Protein backbone atom coordinates (compact mmCIF):
# COMPACT_ATOMS: atom_id res chain seq x y z
CA MET A 1 1.08 -12.29 -8.64
CA SER A 2 3.70 -14.69 -7.38
CA LYS A 3 5.24 -13.44 -3.78
CA THR A 4 7.72 -15.29 -1.64
CA ILE A 5 8.35 -14.25 2.05
CA ILE A 6 11.55 -13.49 2.24
CA TRP A 7 11.65 -13.20 6.31
CA ALA A 8 8.76 -12.42 9.10
CA GLU A 9 8.77 -11.37 12.60
CA THR A 10 5.96 -10.15 15.74
CA ASP A 11 7.70 -7.83 18.13
CA ALA A 12 6.70 -7.74 21.48
CA LYS A 13 3.67 -5.42 20.77
CA GLY A 14 2.45 -8.12 18.71
CA PHE A 15 3.38 -5.97 15.63
CA GLU A 16 3.42 -8.38 12.53
CA SER A 17 6.25 -7.50 9.88
CA GLU A 18 6.97 -8.92 7.06
CA CYS A 19 8.56 -8.72 3.70
CA LEU A 20 7.93 -10.50 0.63
CA PHE A 21 9.40 -10.48 -3.02
CA ASN A 22 6.68 -9.98 -5.58
CA GLU A 23 8.49 -11.82 -8.67
CA ASP A 24 6.61 -10.57 -11.22
CA SER A 25 7.13 -7.07 -10.34
CA ARG A 26 11.02 -7.61 -9.52
CA CYS A 27 10.11 -5.49 -6.12
CA TYR A 28 10.23 -5.94 -2.25
CA GLU A 29 6.63 -5.19 0.02
CA VAL A 30 7.47 -4.75 3.73
CA MET A 31 3.94 -5.13 5.75
CA VAL A 32 3.62 -3.98 9.00
CA CYS A 33 0.14 -5.08 10.83
CA ALA A 34 -1.32 -4.37 14.39
CA SER A 35 -2.32 -7.57 15.44
CA GLY A 36 -5.88 -7.89 16.57
CA ARG A 37 -6.31 -4.34 15.39
CA ARG A 38 -6.62 -4.44 11.32
CA LEU A 39 -4.35 -1.97 10.96
CA CYS A 40 -1.94 -2.35 8.47
CA GLN A 41 0.59 -0.42 6.11
CA SER A 42 2.70 -1.52 2.97
CA GLU A 43 5.42 0.17 1.12
CA HIS A 44 7.40 -1.30 -2.18
CA PHE A 45 10.58 -0.73 -3.16
CA THR A 46 12.92 -2.12 -6.31
CA ALA A 47 15.07 -5.03 -5.70
CA GLN A 48 18.79 -4.72 -6.64
CA THR A 49 19.20 -7.98 -6.74
CA ASP A 50 16.82 -11.31 -7.31
CA PRO A 51 16.93 -12.84 -4.07
CA MET A 52 17.10 -16.31 -4.90
CA GLN A 53 20.40 -15.28 -4.66
CA GLY A 54 20.49 -14.02 -1.30
CA LEU A 55 19.08 -10.99 0.03
CA THR A 56 21.36 -8.18 -0.41
CA GLU A 57 22.94 -6.31 2.77
CA ALA A 58 21.03 -2.71 1.28
CA ASP A 59 17.82 -4.80 0.49
CA ARG A 60 17.88 -6.23 4.04
CA LEU A 61 18.64 -3.00 5.71
CA LYS A 62 16.13 -1.20 3.43
CA SER A 63 13.41 -3.17 4.28
CA VAL A 64 14.15 -3.16 7.87
CA GLN A 65 14.20 0.88 8.14
CA ILE A 66 10.74 0.38 6.03
CA ALA A 67 9.24 -1.78 8.65
CA GLU A 68 10.68 0.09 11.94
CA ARG A 69 9.20 3.09 10.10
CA LEU A 70 5.58 1.92 9.45
CA THR A 71 5.58 0.48 12.73
CA ILE A 72 6.50 4.36 14.39
CA GLU A 73 3.40 5.09 12.00
CA ILE A 74 1.05 2.50 13.13
CA GLU A 75 1.68 3.31 16.66
CA ARG A 76 0.98 6.94 16.39
CA GLU A 77 -2.46 6.32 14.59
CA LEU A 78 -3.30 4.11 17.65
CA GLY A 79 -2.12 6.35 19.66
CA ASP A 80 0.76 4.45 21.77
CA ARG A 81 3.35 6.99 21.07
């Protein structure tokens, strides 16, 4: 399974988010991990177009929205919200 990192970031609270493109299944995987707490969640969605031609605005927006939602879910699990 070949994956390419599309974007990655770490927020001020230490949550690490990344968006990967799975070339075999032609989908994106958005993963969020709580740094140092070994708690991660991920979600997949089908790519609108091949990201080698550039990440579409719709795919970028969807990946960011998923990352934000997963961060909130992890915060709730940790009791931070």
